[in-house]
Amino acid sequence: MTKQEALKLFEDKKVRTVWDDEQEKWYFSIIDVIAILTDSPDPKRYWSVLKSRIKKEGHEPTTICSTLKLRAADGKMRLTDVADTEQLFRIIQSVPSPKAEPFKQWMARVA
């Protein structure tokens, strides 16, 4: 299985992605997407609260995301929650944001 990292830009903001040859799909860093959609000062915390809400609604977060190693800001490879296009659409629906629709259109072009 070959995975290839790539940085993609949405309105000058970086989104870490990984292409998985075996699955033939892109995976996007959920934290990066949350940061873009919410302008939250702490997107990790926002994602943690959202995951808890998803679990309370009866869905397992593992069904809407995976974990892969991505390069962090410090250059080290760290486990990061990621989602493929379909999973990410589900997550975006849970985030109230005026940027959601433009982001979904961008994602459809780059994925």
N, C-alpha and C. Protein backbone atom coordinates (compact mmCIF):
# COMPACT_ATOMS: atom_id res chain seq x y z
N MET A 1 0.85 -1.17 0.00
CA MET A 1 0.00 0.00 0.00
C MET A 1 0.90 1.23 0.00
N THR A 2 0.67 2.12 -0.96
CA THR A 2 1.44 3.33 -1.08
C THR A 2 0.57 4.52 -0.73
N LYS A 3 1.09 5.37 0.15
CA LYS A 3 0.38 6.58 0.52
C LYS A 3 1.27 7.76 0.14
N GLN A 4 0.66 8.77 -0.46
CA GLN A 4 1.40 9.94 -0.89
C GLN A 4 0.78 11.18 -0.26
N GLU A 5 1.58 11.92 0.50
CA GLU A 5 1.11 13.14 1.15
C GLU A 5 1.09 14.29 0.16
N ALA A 6 0.16 15.21 0.36
CA ALA A 6 0.11 16.42 -0.45
C ALA A 6 -0.56 17.52 0.36
N LEU A 7 -0.10 18.73 0.16
CA LEU A 7 -0.76 19.89 0.75
C LEU A 7 -1.63 20.52 -0.32
N LYS A 8 -2.86 20.77 0.02
CA LYS A 8 -3.77 21.43 -0.91
C LYS A 8 -4.19 22.74 -0.26
N LEU A 9 -4.49 23.73 -1.09
CA LEU A 9 -4.85 25.04 -0.57
C LEU A 9 -6.31 25.36 -0.83
N PHE A 10 -6.99 25.81 0.21
CA PHE A 10 -8.34 26.35 0.10
C PHE A 10 -8.26 27.78 0.61
N GLU A 11 -8.46 28.74 -0.29
CA GLU A 11 -8.39 30.16 0.08
C GLU A 11 -7.12 30.45 0.90
N ASP A 12 -6.00 30.01 0.41
CA ASP A 12 -4.68 30.22 1.02
C ASP A 12 -4.48 29.53 2.37
N LYS A 13 -5.37 28.61 2.71
CA LYS A 13 -5.20 27.84 3.95
C LYS A 13 -4.86 26.41 3.59
N LYS A 14 -3.89 25.83 4.30
CA LYS A 14 -3.40 24.49 3.99
C LYS A 14 -4.31 23.40 4.53
N VAL A 15 -4.49 22.39 3.69
CA VAL A 15 -5.22 21.19 4.08
C VAL A 15 -4.28 20.02 3.78
N ARG A 16 -3.90 19.30 4.83
CA ARG A 16 -3.05 18.12 4.64
C ARG A 16 -3.90 16.99 4.09
N THR A 17 -3.39 16.34 3.06
CA THR A 17 -4.10 15.22 2.43
C THR A 17 -3.16 14.06 2.21
N VAL A 18 -3.75 12.90 2.03
CA VAL A 18 -2.99 11.69 1.72
C VAL A 18 -3.76 10.94 0.64
N TRP A 19 -3.05 10.52 -0.40
CA TRP A 19 -3.63 9.67 -1.43
C TRP A 19 -3.28 8.23 -1.08
N ASP A 20 -4.29 7.38 -1.03
CA ASP A 20 -4.10 5.96 -0.75
C ASP A 20 -4.30 5.18 -2.05
N ASP A 21 -3.20 4.63 -2.58
CA ASP A 21 -3.26 3.88 -3.83
C ASP A 21 -4.18 2.66 -3.74
N GLU A 22 -4.15 1.99 -2.61
CA GLU A 22 -4.94 0.76 -2.46
C GLU A 22 -6.44 1.08 -2.47
N GLN A 23 -6.84 2.09 -1.74
CA GLN A 23 -8.25 2.48 -1.68
C GLN A 23 -8.66 3.38 -2.85
N GLU A 24 -7.66 3.95 -3.51
CA GLU A 24 -7.86 4.88 -4.63
C GLU A 24 -8.74 6.06 -4.22
N LYS A 25 -8.34 6.70 -3.11
CA LYS A 25 -9.07 7.88 -2.66
C LYS A 25 -8.18 8.78 -1.82
N TRP A 26 -8.62 10.04 -1.74
CA TRP A 26 -7.93 11.03 -0.93
C TRP A 26 -8.49 11.01 0.48
N TYR A 27 -7.62 11.26 1.45
CA TYR A 27 -8.02 11.45 2.84
C TYR A 27 -7.58 12.85 3.24
N PHE A 28 -8.46 13.58 3.93
CA PHE A 28 -8.22 14.96 4.33
C PHE A 28 -8.08 15.05 5.85
N SER A 29 -7.19 15.89 6.33
CA SER A 29 -7.05 16.13 7.76
C SER A 29 -8.30 16.83 8.28
N ILE A 30 -8.98 16.20 9.21
CA ILE A 30 -10.21 16.78 9.74
C ILE A 30 -9.91 18.06 10.52
N ILE A 31 -8.83 18.08 11.26
CA ILE A 31 -8.48 19.27 12.04
C ILE A 31 -8.27 20.46 11.12
N ASP A 32 -7.60 20.25 9.98
CA ASP A 32 -7.38 21.34 9.02
C ASP A 32 -8.70 21.85 8.47
N VAL A 33 -9.62 20.94 8.18
CA VAL A 33 -10.92 21.33 7.64
C VAL A 33 -11.72 22.10 8.70
N ILE A 34 -11.72 21.60 9.93
CA ILE A 34 -12.43 22.28 11.02
C ILE A 34 -11.86 23.69 11.20
N ALA A 35 -10.55 23.83 11.14
CA ALA A 35 -9.93 25.16 11.29
C ALA A 35 -10.43 26.12 10.21
N ILE A 36 -10.55 25.63 9.00
CA ILE A 36 -11.02 26.47 7.88
C ILE A 36 -12.48 26.84 8.06
N LEU A 37 -13.31 25.86 8.39
CA LEU A 37 -14.75 26.11 8.47
C LEU A 37 -15.16 26.97 9.65
N THR A 38 -14.45 26.85 10.76
CA THR A 38 -14.90 27.50 11.99
C THR A 38 -14.07 28.71 12.39
N ASP A 39 -12.87 28.86 11.87
CA ASP A 39 -11.94 29.89 12.35
C ASP A 39 -11.73 29.77 13.85
N SER A 40 -11.90 28.56 14.38
CA SER A 40 -11.75 28.30 15.81
C SER A 40 -10.30 28.49 16.23
N PRO A 41 -10.07 29.09 17.40
CA PRO A 41 -8.69 29.20 17.90
C PRO A 41 -8.14 27.84 18.33
N ASP A 42 -9.04 26.87 18.55
CA ASP A 42 -8.62 25.53 18.97
C ASP A 42 -9.41 24.47 18.19
N PRO A 43 -9.04 24.25 16.91
CA PRO A 43 -9.80 23.28 16.10
C PRO A 43 -9.74 21.85 16.64
N LYS A 44 -8.67 21.50 17.37
CA LYS A 44 -8.60 20.15 17.95
C LYS A 44 -9.70 19.97 18.99
N ARG A 45 -9.90 20.98 19.80
CA ARG A 45 -10.96 20.92 20.82
C ARG A 45 -12.34 20.89 20.16
N TYR A 46 -12.53 21.70 19.12
CA TYR A 46 -13.80 21.72 18.40
C TYR A 46 -14.11 20.33 17.86
N TRP A 47 -13.12 19.68 17.25
CA TRP A 47 -13.30 18.33 16.70
C TRP A 47 -13.59 17.34 17.82
N SER A 48 -12.93 17.47 18.95
CA SER A 48 -13.17 16.57 20.08
C SER A 48 -14.62 16.67 20.57
N VAL A 49 -15.14 17.89 20.68
CA VAL A 49 -16.52 18.09 21.11
C VAL A 49 -17.48 17.54 20.05
N LEU A 50 -17.19 17.79 18.79
CA LEU A 50 -18.03 17.29 17.70
C LEU A 50 -18.06 15.76 17.68
N LYS A 51 -16.91 15.13 17.90
CA LYS A 51 -16.87 13.65 17.96
C LYS A 51 -17.74 13.13 19.10
N SER A 52 -17.70 13.81 20.25
CA SER A 52 -18.53 13.40 21.39
C SER A 52 -20.01 13.51 21.05
N ARG A 53 -20.37 14.60 20.37
CA ARG A 53 -21.77 14.79 19.97
C ARG A 53 -22.21 13.71 18.99
N ILE A 54 -21.33 13.37 18.05
CA ILE A 54 -21.64 12.31 17.07
C ILE A 54 -21.86 10.98 17.78
N LYS A 55 -21.03 10.72 18.78
CA LYS A 55 -21.16 9.47 19.53
C LYS A 55 -22.47 9.43 20.32
N LYS A 56 -22.86 10.56 20.91
CA LYS A 56 -24.11 10.63 21.67
C LYS A 56 -25.32 10.42 20.76
N GLU A 57 -25.18 10.79 19.48
CA GLU A 57 -26.26 10.59 18.51
C GLU A 57 -26.37 9.14 18.05
N GLY A 58 -25.46 8.30 18.57
CA GLY A 58 -25.52 6.88 18.26
C GLY A 58 -24.62 6.42 17.13
N HIS A 59 -23.74 7.29 16.65
CA HIS A 59 -22.81 6.92 15.59
C HIS A 59 -21.40 6.79 16.17
N GLU A 60 -20.68 5.83 15.71
CA GLU A 60 -19.30 5.68 16.13
C GLU A 60 -18.41 6.59 15.28
N PRO A 61 -17.58 7.42 15.92
CA PRO A 61 -16.67 8.26 15.15
C PRO A 61 -15.77 7.47 14.19
N THR A 62 -15.49 6.22 14.51
CA THR A 62 -14.65 5.42 13.63
C THR A 62 -15.32 5.12 12.30
N THR A 63 -16.64 5.28 12.24
CA THR A 63 -17.32 5.07 10.96
C THR A 63 -17.25 6.30 10.07
N ILE A 64 -16.90 7.45 10.65
CA ILE A 64 -16.81 8.66 9.84
C ILE A 64 -15.40 9.21 9.73
N CYS A 65 -14.44 8.52 10.34
CA CYS A 65 -13.06 8.97 10.18
C CYS A 65 -12.10 7.81 10.41
N SER A 66 -10.88 8.02 9.96
CA SER A 66 -9.79 7.06 10.16
C SER A 66 -8.64 7.82 10.79
N THR A 67 -7.58 7.12 11.10
CA THR A 67 -6.38 7.76 11.64
C THR A 67 -5.19 7.36 10.79
N LEU A 68 -4.46 8.37 10.32
CA LEU A 68 -3.24 8.15 9.55
C LEU A 68 -2.16 9.08 10.06
N LYS A 69 -0.92 8.75 9.77
CA LYS A 69 0.17 9.64 10.14
C LYS A 69 0.33 10.72 9.06
N LEU A 70 0.28 11.97 9.52
CA LEU A 70 0.51 13.12 8.65
C LEU A 70 1.59 13.99 9.27
N ARG A 71 2.26 14.74 8.41
CA ARG A 71 3.31 15.62 8.89
C ARG A 71 2.69 16.81 9.62
N ALA A 72 3.11 17.01 10.87
CA ALA A 72 2.61 18.11 11.69
C ALA A 72 3.44 19.37 11.42
N ALA A 73 3.03 20.48 12.01
CA ALA A 73 3.73 21.75 11.81
C ALA A 73 5.19 21.68 12.24
N ASP A 74 5.49 20.80 13.21
CA ASP A 74 6.87 20.66 13.68
C ASP A 74 7.70 19.72 12.81
N GLY A 75 7.10 19.21 11.73
CA GLY A 75 7.82 18.34 10.79
C GLY A 75 7.76 16.87 11.14
N LYS A 76 7.24 16.53 12.31
CA LYS A 76 7.15 15.13 12.71
C LYS A 76 5.86 14.50 12.19
N MET A 77 5.93 13.20 11.99
CA MET A 77 4.75 12.44 11.55
C MET A 77 3.92 12.10 12.79
N ARG A 78 2.68 12.54 12.80
CA ARG A 78 1.81 12.31 13.95
C ARG A 78 0.48 11.71 13.49
N LEU A 79 -0.09 10.85 14.35
CA LEU A 79 -1.40 10.29 14.05
C LEU A 79 -2.43 11.42 14.02
N THR A 80 -3.22 11.43 12.96
CA THR A 80 -4.18 12.50 12.73
C THR A 80 -5.49 11.89 12.25
N ASP A 81 -6.60 12.42 12.75
CA ASP A 81 -7.90 11.97 12.24
C ASP A 81 -8.06 12.49 10.82
N VAL A 82 -8.43 11.59 9.92
CA VAL A 82 -8.64 11.93 8.51
C VAL A 82 -9.97 11.36 8.05
N ALA A 83 -10.48 11.91 6.96
CA ALA A 83 -11.73 11.42 6.40
C ALA A 83 -11.62 11.44 4.88
N ASP A 84 -12.25 10.44 4.25
CA ASP A 84 -12.31 10.47 2.79
C ASP A 84 -13.41 11.45 2.40
N THR A 85 -13.63 11.61 1.12
CA THR A 85 -14.58 12.61 0.64
C THR A 85 -15.98 12.39 1.20
N GLU A 86 -16.47 11.18 1.13
CA GLU A 86 -17.82 10.87 1.61
C GLU A 86 -17.94 11.13 3.11
N GLN A 87 -16.96 10.67 3.88
CA GLN A 87 -16.99 10.88 5.32
C GLN A 87 -16.91 12.37 5.66
N LEU A 88 -16.09 13.09 4.91
CA LEU A 88 -15.92 14.51 5.18
C LEU A 88 -17.20 15.30 4.89
N PHE A 89 -17.94 14.91 3.88
CA PHE A 89 -19.23 15.56 3.61
C PHE A 89 -20.15 15.41 4.82
N ARG A 90 -20.15 14.24 5.44
CA ARG A 90 -20.98 14.01 6.63
C ARG A 90 -20.54 14.90 7.78
N ILE A 91 -19.24 15.05 7.96
CA ILE A 91 -18.72 15.89 9.05
C ILE A 91 -19.06 17.36 8.80
N ILE A 92 -18.87 17.80 7.56
CA ILE A 92 -19.14 19.20 7.22
C ILE A 92 -20.60 19.56 7.50
N GLN A 93 -21.50 18.62 7.28
CA GLN A 93 -22.92 18.87 7.56
C GLN A 93 -23.18 19.16 9.04
N SER A 94 -22.28 18.70 9.90
CA SER A 94 -22.44 18.90 11.35
C SER A 94 -21.81 20.20 11.83
N VAL A 95 -21.17 20.93 10.93
CA VAL A 95 -20.48 22.16 11.30
C VAL A 95 -21.21 23.36 10.69
N PRO A 96 -21.86 24.18 11.52
CA PRO A 96 -22.53 25.35 10.97
C PRO A 96 -21.49 26.38 10.52
N SER A 97 -21.43 26.60 9.22
CA SER A 97 -20.42 27.52 8.70
C SER A 97 -20.84 28.06 7.34
N PRO A 98 -20.68 29.36 7.12
CA PRO A 98 -20.96 29.91 5.80
C PRO A 98 -19.94 29.44 4.76
N LYS A 99 -18.82 28.90 5.23
CA LYS A 99 -17.78 28.41 4.31
C LYS A 99 -18.03 26.97 3.86
N ALA A 100 -19.05 26.33 4.43
CA ALA A 100 -19.27 24.90 4.14
C ALA A 100 -19.51 24.64 2.66
N GLU A 101 -20.39 25.40 2.05
CA GLU A 101 -20.72 25.15 0.64
C GLU A 101 -19.53 25.41 -0.29
N PRO A 102 -18.84 26.56 -0.15
CA PRO A 102 -17.65 26.77 -0.99
C PRO A 102 -16.59 25.69 -0.76
N PHE A 103 -16.46 25.22 0.49
CA PHE A 103 -15.47 24.18 0.78
C PHE A 103 -15.86 22.87 0.11
N LYS A 104 -17.15 22.51 0.15
CA LYS A 104 -17.60 21.27 -0.50
C LYS A 104 -17.36 21.33 -2.00
N GLN A 105 -17.59 22.48 -2.61
CA GLN A 105 -17.33 22.64 -4.04
C GLN A 105 -15.84 22.49 -4.34
N TRP A 106 -15.01 23.09 -3.51
CA TRP A 106 -13.55 22.97 -3.67
C TRP A 106 -13.13 21.51 -3.53
N MET A 107 -13.67 20.85 -2.51
CA MET A 107 -13.31 19.46 -2.26
C MET A 107 -13.69 18.56 -3.44
N ALA A 108 -14.84 18.82 -4.03
CA ALA A 108 -15.27 18.02 -5.18
C ALA A 108 -14.29 18.19 -6.36
N ARG A 109 -13.68 19.35 -6.48
CA ARG A 109 -12.72 19.57 -7.56
C ARG A 109 -11.38 18.90 -7.30
N VAL A 110 -10.91 18.92 -6.04
CA VAL A 110 -9.57 18.41 -5.75
C VAL A 110 -9.54 16.92 -5.43
N ALA A 111 -10.68 16.34 -5.09
CA ALA A 111 -10.68 14.93 -4.68
C ALA A 111 -10.77 14.00 -5.85
